[in-house]
Amino acid sequence: MRHTLLRCLSMTFYVVVLWPYTFSKSEDICEDNELQHRQNVIVQNDSYQYSLHYNYSMKITRHQLHPIVSDNFIKFSDNQKVYPNFFFKYYDSDVYSFYIDKTGAIAFHEGLVFINIPDIYPSDLEILNNEEMVAVKWSFKSNEDDTDFTAKITCLIYANGNISLYFEKIPSQIRKKYLQIGITTQIYCKTVGYNTQGVKSPKINVPAKWIKSETLVEYEVIGTMCSQYTTTKSCQEEKTSDMTCIWCDKANKCIASNDQSTSKSKVNDCHVETSQETEDLSTPASIKRTETTSDV
């Protein structure tokens, strides 16, 4: 049992990394404290990284075009409360509205998208709200070594709950060791007698080395439902229309995808080329799940 609440807002060589990790069958973060610190890097090279975390995967790709070609952003001079044209889930909690802070944050009732860049100041806030997504664009001005610059960061929140970040005009002189960009939440676990499980704070930071111009970071919901299946066969037996289970060989784990356009990429990232039998393990399958929604 758990409750979620936000308490406050204030490379040339191809490398495959296999981290030994024992995954909890239930994926209950209140029972398994290590889940909040999960970082299982599946693929990494000079221009790409794919990793698994609690409830989300993170894909980082360099040299990408801006994901939005529309110029229909609306400028604002102060913080905004946004009501999307859809509801979505953030760390398994329904979201119907959220606050956007012009200093570089999106605050849900259950969590936060945060952008902390030292020694720069927000200048513009632009928002695009349509049927498919909410896009937020921040502009940050500063002066480094007598040079003025304006860095731009765009956050996209999609109707399926996936979240993306895109970086533009990031100066090389930014002190990257002080950068803090990513997503987080706070999960309040139920206390039974003297057994206090406390507060869990899963966080997925974008590593500072990847915060460069023309870099796209994609957080895709992988949830906790598929992880209950611990074999390839069981991972592929259940079906639904909006969620696909994929057996990830490299993590020895059943993960979910709610975006068919990225499922093939996931299969490729997770695939271990050893035999036909292993190749079959990467075949997508679907999962049946039951959801209940309540207003937040």
C-alpha atoms as a PDB file:
ATOM      1  CA  MET A   1       0.000   0.000   0.000  1.00  0.00           C
ATOM      2  CA  ARG A   2       1.346   3.438  -0.867  1.00  0.00           C
ATOM      3  CA  HIS A   3       0.275   7.040  -1.222  1.00  0.00           C
ATOM      4  CA  THR A   4       1.886   9.656  -3.467  1.00  0.00           C
ATOM      5  CA  LEU A   5       2.218  13.346  -2.691  1.00  0.00           C
ATOM      6  CA  LEU A   6       4.482  16.246  -3.613  1.00  0.00           C
ATOM      7  CA  ARG A   7       5.525  17.802  -0.342  1.00  0.00           C
ATOM      8  CA  CYS A   8       7.155  20.941  -1.717  1.00  0.00           C
ATOM      9  CA  LEU A   9       8.074  22.843  -4.880  1.00  0.00           C
ATOM     10  CA  SER A  10      10.694  25.057  -4.378  1.00  0.00           C
ATOM     11  CA  MET A  11      31.908   8.007 -27.947  1.00  0.00           C
ATOM     12  CA  THR A  12      32.824   6.133 -31.046  1.00  0.00           C
ATOM     13  CA  PHE A  13      32.928   2.636 -29.578  1.00  0.00           C
ATOM     14  CA  TYR A  14      29.679   0.784 -29.042  1.00  0.00           C
ATOM     15  CA  VAL A  15      29.327  -0.418 -25.500  1.00  0.00           C
ATOM     16  CA  VAL A  16      26.767  -2.767 -24.001  1.00  0.00           C
ATOM     17  CA  VAL A  17      26.548  -2.537 -20.236  1.00  0.00           C
ATOM     18  CA  LEU A  18      24.950  -5.331 -18.257  1.00  0.00           C
ATOM     19  CA  TRP A  19      24.385  -4.465 -14.612  1.00  0.00           C
ATOM     20  CA  PRO A  20      23.533  -7.398 -12.371  1.00  0.00           C
ATOM     21  CA  TYR A  21      20.242  -6.609 -10.711  1.00  0.00           C
ATOM     22  CA  THR A  22      17.647  -8.643  -8.856  1.00  0.00           C
ATOM     23  CA  PHE A  23      14.190  -7.356  -9.693  1.00  0.00           C
ATOM     24  CA  SER A  24      11.294  -7.569  -7.300  1.00  0.00           C
ATOM     25  CA  LYS A  25       8.412  -9.644  -8.591  1.00  0.00           C
ATOM     26  CA  SER A  26       5.831  -7.245  -7.215  1.00  0.00           C
ATOM     27  CA  GLU A  27       7.651  -4.020  -8.082  1.00  0.00           C
ATOM     28  CA  ASP A  28       6.373  -2.587  -4.791  1.00  0.00           C
ATOM     29  CA  ILE A  29       8.665   0.306  -3.988  1.00  0.00           C
ATOM     30  CA  CYS A  30       7.423   0.331  -0.403  1.00  0.00           C
ATOM     31  CA  GLU A  31       8.645  -3.236   0.022  1.00  0.00           C
ATOM     32  CA  ASP A  32      11.854  -2.924  -1.992  1.00  0.00           C
ATOM     33  CA  ASN A  33      13.755   0.251  -1.137  1.00  0.00           C
ATOM     34  CA  GLU A  34      16.316  -0.311  -3.904  1.00  0.00           C
ATOM     35  CA  LEU A  35      13.705   0.276  -6.599  1.00  0.00           C
ATOM     36  CA  GLN A  36      13.826   4.038  -6.054  1.00  0.00           C
ATOM     37  CA  HIS A  37      17.533   4.032  -6.972  1.00  0.00           C
ATOM     38  CA  ARG A  38      17.259   1.733  -9.990  1.00  0.00           C
ATOM     39  CA  GLN A  39      19.487   2.599 -12.932  1.00  0.00           C
ATOM     40  CA  ASN A  40      20.029  -0.269 -15.303  1.00  0.00           C
ATOM     41  CA  VAL A  41      21.952   0.927 -18.380  1.00  0.00           C
ATOM     42  CA  ILE A  42      21.116  -1.379 -21.287  1.00  0.00           C
ATOM     43  CA  VAL A  43      22.888   0.322 -24.205  1.00  0.00           C
ATOM     44  CA  GLN A  44      25.371   3.189 -24.312  1.00  0.00           C
ATOM     45  CA  ASN A  45      27.666   4.749 -26.888  1.00  0.00           C
ATOM     46  CA  ASP A  46      28.862   8.243 -27.810  1.00  0.00           C
ATOM     47  CA  SER A  47      25.483   9.430 -29.060  1.00  0.00           C
ATOM     48  CA  TYR A  48      22.906   7.157 -27.437  1.00  0.00           C
ATOM     49  CA  GLN A  49      21.923   5.717 -24.071  1.00  0.00           C
ATOM     50  CA  TYR A  50      18.997   3.523 -23.042  1.00  0.00           C
ATOM     51  CA  SER A  51      18.357   2.685 -19.383  1.00  0.00           C
ATOM     52  CA  LEU A  52      15.640   1.253 -17.135  1.00  0.00           C
ATOM     53  CA  HIS A  53      14.450   2.944 -13.950  1.00  0.00           C
ATOM     54  CA  TYR A  54      11.514   2.644 -11.579  1.00  0.00           C
ATOM     55  CA  ASN A  55       8.320   3.067 -13.622  1.00  0.00           C
ATOM     56  CA  TYR A  56      10.123   4.638 -16.610  1.00  0.00           C
ATOM     57  CA  SER A  57      12.764   3.950 -19.204  1.00  0.00           C
ATOM     58  CA  MET A  58      15.060   6.781 -20.321  1.00  0.00           C
ATOM     59  CA  LYS A  59      16.333   7.092 -23.878  1.00  0.00           C
ATOM     60  CA  ILE A  60      18.886   9.798 -24.710  1.00  0.00           C
ATOM     61  CA  THR A  61      19.758  10.575 -28.327  1.00  0.00           C
ATOM     62  CA  ARG A  62      22.169  13.207 -29.632  1.00  0.00           C
ATOM     63  CA  HIS A  63      21.946  15.223 -32.885  1.00  0.00           C
ATOM     64  CA  GLN A  64      18.159  15.306 -33.064  1.00  0.00           C
ATOM     65  CA  LEU A  65      15.861  17.857 -34.683  1.00  0.00           C
ATOM     66  CA  HIS A  66      13.384  19.697 -32.486  1.00  0.00           C
ATOM     67  CA  PRO A  67      10.371  17.399 -31.925  1.00  0.00           C
ATOM     68  CA  ILE A  68       7.917  20.281 -32.495  1.00  0.00           C
ATOM     69  CA  VAL A  69       7.686  22.197 -35.767  1.00  0.00           C
ATOM     70  CA  SER A  70       4.651  24.254 -34.720  1.00  0.00           C
ATOM     71  CA  ASP A  71       5.066  27.936 -33.913  1.00  0.00           C
ATOM     72  CA  ASN A  72       1.728  28.149 -32.098  1.00  0.00           C
ATOM     73  CA  PHE A  73       3.287  28.560 -28.668  1.00  0.00           C
ATOM     74  CA  ILE A  74       1.720  31.215 -26.423  1.00  0.00           C
ATOM     75  CA  LYS A  75       4.045  33.386 -24.346  1.00  0.00           C
ATOM     76  CA  PHE A  76       3.439  34.040 -20.648  1.00  0.00           C
ATOM     77  CA  SER A  77       5.154  36.350 -18.190  1.00  0.00           C
ATOM     78  CA  ASP A  78       4.231  34.470 -15.018  1.00  0.00           C
ATOM     79  CA  ASN A  79       3.573  30.965 -13.685  1.00  0.00           C
ATOM     80  CA  GLN A  80       0.675  29.045 -15.198  1.00  0.00           C
ATOM     81  CA  LYS A  81      -1.796  26.330 -14.240  1.00  0.00           C
ATOM     82  CA  VAL A  82      -2.501  24.092 -17.218  1.00  0.00           C
ATOM     83  CA  TYR A  83      -5.482  21.843 -17.911  1.00  0.00           C
ATOM     84  CA  PRO A  84      -4.472  19.407 -20.669  1.00  0.00           C
ATOM     85  CA  ASN A  85      -7.002  18.198 -23.220  1.00  0.00           C
ATOM     86  CA  PHE A  86      -6.396  14.700 -21.861  1.00  0.00           C
ATOM     87  CA  PHE A  87      -5.578  13.050 -18.565  1.00  0.00           C
ATOM     88  CA  PHE A  88      -2.443  10.990 -18.147  1.00  0.00           C
ATOM     89  CA  LYS A  89      -0.591   9.031 -15.501  1.00  0.00           C
ATOM     90  CA  TYR A  90       2.567  10.168 -13.742  1.00  0.00           C
ATOM     91  CA  TYR A  91       4.143   7.440 -11.606  1.00  0.00           C
ATOM     92  CA  ASP A  92       0.809   5.565 -11.739  1.00  0.00           C
ATOM     93  CA  SER A  93      -1.268   8.521 -10.481  1.00  0.00           C
ATOM     94  CA  ASP A  94      -3.849  10.291 -12.634  1.00  0.00           C
ATOM     95  CA  VAL A  95      -3.077  13.884 -13.625  1.00  0.00           C
ATOM     96  CA  TYR A  96      -5.755  16.318 -14.789  1.00  0.00           C
ATOM     97  CA  SER A  97      -3.892  19.595 -14.244  1.00  0.00           C
ATOM     98  CA  PHE A  98      -0.452  20.853 -13.234  1.00  0.00           C
ATOM     99  CA  TYR A  99       1.511  24.017 -12.527  1.00  0.00           C
ATOM    100  CA  ILE A 100       4.301  25.403 -14.681  1.00  0.00           C
ATOM    101  CA  ASP A 101       6.923  27.552 -12.984  1.00  0.00           C
ATOM    102  CA  LYS A 102       8.783  29.984 -15.233  1.00  0.00           C
ATOM    103  CA  THR A 103      12.026  29.268 -13.360  1.00  0.00           C
ATOM    104  CA  GLY A 104      12.076  25.746 -14.821  1.00  0.00           C
ATOM    105  CA  ALA A 105       9.672  23.288 -13.202  1.00  0.00           C
ATOM    106  CA  ILE A 106       6.421  21.454 -13.823  1.00  0.00           C
ATOM    107  CA  ALA A 107       4.659  20.482 -10.599  1.00  0.00           C
ATOM    108  CA  PHE A 108       2.128  17.683 -10.527  1.00  0.00           C
ATOM    109  CA  HIS A 109       0.245  16.791  -7.370  1.00  0.00           C
ATOM    110  CA  GLU A 110       2.427  13.700  -7.273  1.00  0.00           C
ATOM    111  CA  GLY A 111       5.762  14.840  -8.624  1.00  0.00           C
ATOM    112  CA  LEU A 112       8.020  17.230 -10.438  1.00  0.00           C
ATOM    113  CA  VAL A 113       9.857  17.830 -13.696  1.00  0.00           C
ATOM    114  CA  PHE A 114      12.805  19.954 -12.602  1.00  0.00           C
ATOM    115  CA  ILE A 115      15.414  22.086 -14.364  1.00  0.00           C
ATOM    116  CA  ASN A 116      18.114  23.599 -12.170  1.00  0.00           C
ATOM    117  CA  ILE A 117      20.882  25.396 -14.055  1.00  0.00           C
ATOM    118  CA  PRO A 118      23.311  27.545 -12.022  1.00  0.00           C
ATOM    119  CA  ASP A 119      23.897  31.220 -12.745  1.00  0.00           C
ATOM    120  CA  ILE A 120      21.238  31.613 -15.415  1.00  0.00           C
ATOM    121  CA  TYR A 121      17.881  33.344 -15.232  1.00  0.00           C
ATOM    122  CA  PRO A 122      14.555  32.574 -16.894  1.00  0.00           C
ATOM    123  CA  SER A 123      13.424  35.118 -19.471  1.00  0.00           C
ATOM    124  CA  ASP A 124      10.539  33.574 -21.431  1.00  0.00           C
ATOM    125  CA  LEU A 125       7.892  30.919 -20.868  1.00  0.00           C
ATOM    126  CA  GLU A 126       5.968  29.520 -23.838  1.00  0.00           C
ATOM    127  CA  ILE A 127       3.221  26.881 -23.791  1.00  0.00           C
ATOM    128  CA  LEU A 128       1.547  24.794 -26.481  1.00  0.00           C
ATOM    129  CA  ASN A 129      -1.568  22.852 -25.415  1.00  0.00           C
ATOM    130  CA  ASN A 130      -3.332  20.635 -27.947  1.00  0.00           C
ATOM    131  CA  GLU A 131      -5.089  17.269 -28.169  1.00  0.00           C
ATOM    132  CA  GLU A 132      -1.855  15.280 -28.358  1.00  0.00           C
ATOM    133  CA  MET A 133       0.522  17.012 -25.971  1.00  0.00           C
ATOM    134  CA  VAL A 134       1.408  19.897 -23.725  1.00  0.00           C
ATOM    135  CA  ALA A 135       4.745  21.471 -24.636  1.00  0.00           C
ATOM    136  CA  VAL A 136       6.552  23.929 -22.385  1.00  0.00           C
ATOM    137  CA  LYS A 137       9.515  25.956 -23.619  1.00  0.00           C
ATOM    138  CA  TRP A 138      11.786  27.857 -21.230  1.00  0.00           C
ATOM    139  CA  SER A 139      14.426  30.367 -22.295  1.00  0.00           C
ATOM    140  CA  PHE A 140      17.301  31.081 -19.911  1.00  0.00           C
ATOM    141  CA  LYS A 141      19.645  34.045 -20.296  1.00  0.00           C
ATOM    142  CA  SER A 142      23.082  34.458 -18.792  1.00  0.00           C
ATOM    143  CA  ASN A 143      26.565  35.783 -19.365  1.00  0.00           C
ATOM    144  CA  GLU A 144      29.617  33.568 -19.270  1.00  0.00           C
ATOM    145  CA  ASP A 145      33.125  34.844 -19.995  1.00  0.00           C
ATOM    146  CA  ASP A 146      31.692  38.160 -21.261  1.00  0.00           C
ATOM    147  CA  THR A 147      29.465  36.303 -23.711  1.00  0.00           C
ATOM    148  CA  ASP A 148      25.666  36.545 -23.614  1.00  0.00           C
ATOM    149  CA  PHE A 149      23.723  33.392 -24.379  1.00  0.00           C
ATOM    150  CA  THR A 150      20.143  32.128 -24.283  1.00  0.00           C
ATOM    151  CA  ALA A 151      19.707  28.439 -23.557  1.00  0.00           C
ATOM    152  CA  LYS A 152      16.372  26.832 -24.421  1.00  0.00           C
ATOM    153  CA  ILE A 153      14.798  23.711 -22.943  1.00  0.00           C
ATOM    154  CA  THR A 154      11.488  22.231 -24.090  1.00  0.00           C
ATOM    155  CA  CYS A 155       9.448  19.696 -22.116  1.00  0.00           C
ATOM    156  CA  LEU A 156       6.777  17.672 -23.894  1.00  0.00           C
ATOM    157  CA  ILE A 157       4.081  15.747 -22.031  1.00  0.00           C
ATOM    158  CA  TYR A 158       2.141  13.320 -24.214  1.00  0.00           C
ATOM    159  CA  ALA A 159      -1.344  11.906 -23.762  1.00  0.00           C
ATOM    160  CA  ASN A 160       0.095   8.422 -23.108  1.00  0.00           C
ATOM    161  CA  GLY A 161       2.133   9.765 -20.161  1.00  0.00           C
ATOM    162  CA  ASN A 162       5.504   9.812 -21.891  1.00  0.00           C
ATOM    163  CA  ILE A 163       7.686  12.854 -21.189  1.00  0.00           C
ATOM    164  CA  SER A 164      10.462  14.300 -23.359  1.00  0.00           C
ATOM    165  CA  LEU A 165      13.086  17.002 -22.888  1.00  0.00           C
ATOM    166  CA  TYR A 166      14.895  18.758 -25.725  1.00  0.00           C
ATOM    167  CA  PHE A 167      17.962  20.983 -25.303  1.00  0.00           C
ATOM    168  CA  GLU A 168      18.887  23.920 -27.559  1.00  0.00           C
ATOM    169  CA  LYS A 169      21.769  26.377 -27.540  1.00  0.00           C
ATOM    170  CA  ILE A 170      23.341  24.909 -24.415  1.00  0.00           C
ATOM    171  CA  PRO A 171      26.700  26.680 -23.985  1.00  0.00           C
ATOM    172  CA  SER A 172      29.742  24.528 -23.371  1.00  0.00           C
ATOM    173  CA  GLN A 173      30.876  26.800 -20.542  1.00  0.00           C
ATOM    174  CA  ILE A 174      27.961  25.883 -18.277  1.00  0.00           C
ATOM    175  CA  ARG A 175      29.261  24.307 -15.067  1.00  0.00           C
ATOM    176  CA  LYS A 176      27.739  20.919 -15.691  1.00  0.00           C
ATOM    177  CA  LYS A 177      28.589  19.464 -12.322  1.00  0.00           C
ATOM    178  CA  TYR A 178      25.894  21.721 -10.852  1.00  0.00           C
ATOM    179  CA  LEU A 179      23.185  20.871 -13.377  1.00  0.00           C
ATOM    180  CA  GLN A 180      20.063  19.098 -12.126  1.00  0.00           C
ATOM    181  CA  ILE A 181      17.522  18.110 -14.782  1.00  0.00           C
ATOM    182  CA  GLY A 182      15.081  15.212 -14.592  1.00  0.00           C
ATOM    183  CA  ILE A 183      11.857  13.863 -13.105  1.00  0.00           C
ATOM    184  CA  THR A 184      10.989  12.797  -9.575  1.00  0.00           C
ATOM    185  CA  THR A 185       8.136  12.041  -7.205  1.00  0.00           C
ATOM    186  CA  GLN A 186       7.532  11.291  -3.537  1.00  0.00           C
ATOM    187  CA  ILE A 187       5.722   8.138  -2.475  1.00  0.00           C
ATOM    188  CA  TYR A 188       4.382   7.888   1.057  1.00  0.00           C
ATOM    189  CA  CYS A 189       4.273   4.307   2.236  1.00  0.00           C
ATOM    190  CA  LYS A 190       1.775   3.057   4.765  1.00  0.00           C
ATOM    191  CA  THR A 191       2.929   2.558   8.346  1.00  0.00           C
ATOM    192  CA  VAL A 192       1.811  -0.652  10.030  1.00  0.00           C
ATOM    193  CA  GLY A 193       2.498  -0.809  13.766  1.00  0.00           C
ATOM    194  CA  TYR A 194       6.197  -0.195  14.333  1.00  0.00           C
ATOM    195  CA  ASN A 195       7.034  -0.966  10.706  1.00  0.00           C
ATOM    196  CA  THR A 196       7.616   2.473   9.190  1.00  0.00           C
ATOM    197  CA  GLN A 197       8.366   2.219   5.486  1.00  0.00           C
ATOM    198  CA  GLY A 198       8.744   5.984   5.167  1.00  0.00           C
ATOM    199  CA  VAL A 199       8.956   8.150   2.068  1.00  0.00           C
ATOM    200  CA  LYS A 200      10.385   6.889  -1.207  1.00  0.00           C
ATOM    201  CA  SER A 201      11.745   9.439  -3.678  1.00  0.00           C
ATOM    202  CA  PRO A 202      12.503   7.866  -7.060  1.00  0.00           C
ATOM    203  CA  LYS A 203      14.375  10.293  -9.285  1.00  0.00           C
ATOM    204  CA  ILE A 204      15.691   9.990 -12.839  1.00  0.00           C
ATOM    205  CA  ASN A 205      18.367  12.582 -13.550  1.00  0.00           C
ATOM    206  CA  VAL A 206      19.701  13.350 -16.993  1.00  0.00           C
ATOM    207  CA  PRO A 207      23.475  12.806 -16.681  1.00  0.00           C
ATOM    208  CA  ALA A 208      25.251  16.147 -17.095  1.00  0.00           C
ATOM    209  CA  LYS A 209      27.400  14.872 -19.970  1.00  0.00           C
ATOM    210  CA  TRP A 210      24.247  14.488 -22.082  1.00  0.00           C
ATOM    211  CA  ILE A 211      22.958  18.026 -21.517  1.00  0.00           C
ATOM    212  CA  LYS A 212      24.051  19.394 -24.876  1.00  0.00           C
ATOM    213  CA  SER A 213      22.400  21.150 -27.786  1.00  0.00           C
ATOM    214  CA  GLU A 214      20.242  18.982 -30.074  1.00  0.00           C
ATOM    215  CA  THR A 215      19.871  16.255 -27.450  1.00  0.00           C
ATOM    216  CA  LEU A 216      16.496  14.558 -26.960  1.00  0.00           C
ATOM    217  CA  VAL A 217      15.668  12.779 -23.692  1.00  0.00           C
ATOM    218  CA  GLU A 218      12.610  10.503 -23.703  1.00  0.00           C
ATOM    219  CA  TYR A 219      11.024   9.077 -20.561  1.00  0.00           C
ATOM    220  CA  GLU A 220       8.647   6.287 -21.520  1.00  0.00           C
ATOM    221  CA  VAL A 221       6.288   4.673 -19.050  1.00  0.00           C
ATOM    222  CA  ILE A 222       7.214   1.040 -18.409  1.00  0.00           C
ATOM    223  CA  GLY A 223       5.058   0.783 -15.298  1.00  0.00           C
ATOM    224  CA  THR A 224       5.187  -2.027 -12.796  1.00  0.00           C
ATOM    225  CA  MET A 225       2.583  -4.409 -14.224  1.00  0.00           C
ATOM    226  CA  CYS A 226       4.754  -6.297 -16.712  1.00  0.00           C
ATOM    227  CA  SER A 227       7.499  -6.854 -14.151  1.00  0.00           C
ATOM    228  CA  GLN A 228       5.387  -9.450 -12.341  1.00  0.00           C
ATOM    229  CA  TYR A 229       6.104 -11.812 -15.248  1.00  0.00           C
ATOM    230  CA  THR A 230       9.495 -13.388 -14.702  1.00  0.00           C
ATOM    231  CA  THR A 231       9.702 -15.694 -17.723  1.00  0.00           C
ATOM    232  CA  THR A 232       9.547 -15.058 -21.452  1.00  0.00           C
ATOM    233  CA  LYS A 233       6.432 -17.192 -21.825  1.00  0.00           C
ATOM    234  CA  SER A 234       4.442 -15.494 -19.084  1.00  0.00           C
ATOM    235  CA  CYS A 235       5.597 -12.087 -20.348  1.00  0.00           C
ATOM    236  CA  GLN A 236       3.924 -12.810 -23.690  1.00  0.00           C
ATOM    237  CA  GLU A 237       0.672 -14.458 -22.641  1.00  0.00           C
ATOM    238  CA  GLU A 238      -1.549 -11.530 -21.631  1.00  0.00           C
ATOM    239  CA  LYS A 239      -3.103  -9.029 -24.050  1.00  0.00           C
ATOM    240  CA  THR A 240      -4.566  -5.542 -24.128  1.00  0.00           C
ATOM    241  CA  SER A 241      -5.006  -2.782 -26.699  1.00  0.00           C
ATOM    242  CA  ASP A 242      -2.871  -0.066 -25.098  1.00  0.00           C
ATOM    243  CA  MET A 243       0.095  -1.829 -23.476  1.00  0.00           C
ATOM    244  CA  THR A 244       2.759  -4.127 -24.897  1.00  0.00           C
ATOM    245  CA  CYS A 245       5.032  -6.318 -22.808  1.00  0.00           C
ATOM    246  CA  ILE A 246       8.568  -6.880 -24.083  1.00  0.00           C
ATOM    247  CA  TRP A 247      11.060  -9.360 -22.685  1.00  0.00           C
ATOM    248  CA  CYS A 248      14.351  -7.517 -22.226  1.00  0.00           C
ATOM    249  CA  ASP A 249      17.160 -10.070 -22.475  1.00  0.00           C
ATOM    250  CA  LYS A 250      19.869  -7.717 -21.285  1.00  0.00           C
ATOM    251  CA  ALA A 251      17.993  -6.871 -18.098  1.00  0.00           C
ATOM    252  CA  ASN A 252      16.386 -10.312 -17.688  1.00  0.00           C
ATOM    253  CA  LYS A 253      13.137  -8.448 -17.138  1.00  0.00           C
ATOM    254  CA  CYS A 254       9.664  -8.039 -18.610  1.00  0.00           C
ATOM    255  CA  ILE A 255       9.057  -4.352 -19.409  1.00  0.00           C
ATOM    256  CA  ALA A 256       6.114  -2.474 -20.873  1.00  0.00           C
ATOM    257  CA  SER A 257       5.703  -0.079 -23.777  1.00  0.00           C
ATOM    258  CA  ASN A 258       2.683   2.158 -24.353  1.00  0.00           C
ATOM    259  CA  ASP A 259       4.015   3.556 -27.622  1.00  0.00           C
ATOM    260  CA  GLN A 260       4.006   1.229 -30.624  1.00  0.00           C
ATOM    261  CA  SER A 261       6.394   3.503 -32.511  1.00  0.00           C
ATOM    262  CA  THR A 262       9.113   2.878 -29.928  1.00  0.00           C
ATOM    263  CA  SER A 263       8.474  -0.827 -29.313  1.00  0.00           C
ATOM    264  CA  LYS A 264      10.787  -1.934 -32.142  1.00  0.00           C
ATOM    265  CA  SER A 265      13.552   0.267 -30.745  1.00  0.00           C
ATOM    266  CA  LYS A 266      13.068  -1.313 -27.325  1.00  0.00           C
ATOM    267  CA  VAL A 267      13.297  -4.806 -28.787  1.00  0.00           C
ATOM    268  CA  ASN A 268      16.525  -3.918 -30.574  1.00  0.00           C
ATOM    269  CA  ASP A 269      18.042  -2.341 -27.462  1.00  0.00           C
ATOM    270  CA  CYS A 270      17.177  -5.351 -25.326  1.00  0.00           C
ATOM    271  CA  HIS A 271      18.159  -7.993 -27.856  1.00  0.00           C
ATOM    272  CA  VAL A 272      21.146 -10.270 -27.290  1.00  0.00           C
ATOM    273  CA  GLU A 273      22.366 -11.816 -30.531  1.00  0.00           C
ATOM    274  CA  THR A 274      23.279 -15.342 -29.501  1.00  0.00           C
ATOM    275  CA  SER A 275      20.773 -17.715 -31.066  1.00  0.00           C
ATOM    276  CA  GLN A 276      17.340 -17.953 -32.640  1.00  0.00           C
ATOM    277  CA  GLU A 277      15.985 -18.986 -29.266  1.00  0.00           C
ATOM    278  CA  THR A 278      17.274 -15.796 -27.698  1.00  0.00           C
ATOM    279  CA  GLU A 279      15.906 -13.750 -30.591  1.00  0.00           C
ATOM    280  CA  ASP A 280      12.455 -15.133 -29.922  1.00  0.00           C
ATOM    281  CA  LEU A 281      12.667 -13.843 -26.368  1.00  0.00           C
ATOM    282  CA  SER A 282      12.555 -10.301 -27.688  1.00  0.00           C
ATOM    283  CA  THR A 283       9.219 -10.722 -29.453  1.00  0.00           C
ATOM    284  CA  PRO A 284       6.687  -8.164 -28.226  1.00  0.00           C
ATOM    285  CA  ALA A 285       3.686  -9.414 -26.315  1.00  0.00           C
ATOM    286  CA  SER A 286       0.731  -7.749 -24.698  1.00  0.00           C
ATOM    287  CA  ILE A 287      -0.551  -7.567 -21.165  1.00  0.00           C
ATOM    288  CA  LYS A 288      -3.999  -7.384 -19.673  1.00  0.00           C
ATOM    289  CA  ARG A 289      -4.426  -4.858 -16.888  1.00  0.00           C
ATOM    290  CA  THR A 290      -7.198  -3.309 -14.864  1.00  0.00           C
ATOM    291  CA  GLU A 291      -7.185   0.416 -14.076  1.00  0.00           C
ATOM    292  CA  THR A 292      -9.229   2.591 -11.779  1.00  0.00           C
ATOM    293  CA  THR A 293      -9.230   6.369 -12.061  1.00  0.00           C
ATOM    294  CA  SER A 294     -10.147   9.068  -9.616  1.00  0.00           C
ATOM    295  CA  ASP A 295      -9.969  12.836  -9.817  1.00  0.00           C
ATOM    296  CA  VAL A 296      -6.771  14.368  -8.433  1.00  0.00           C
END
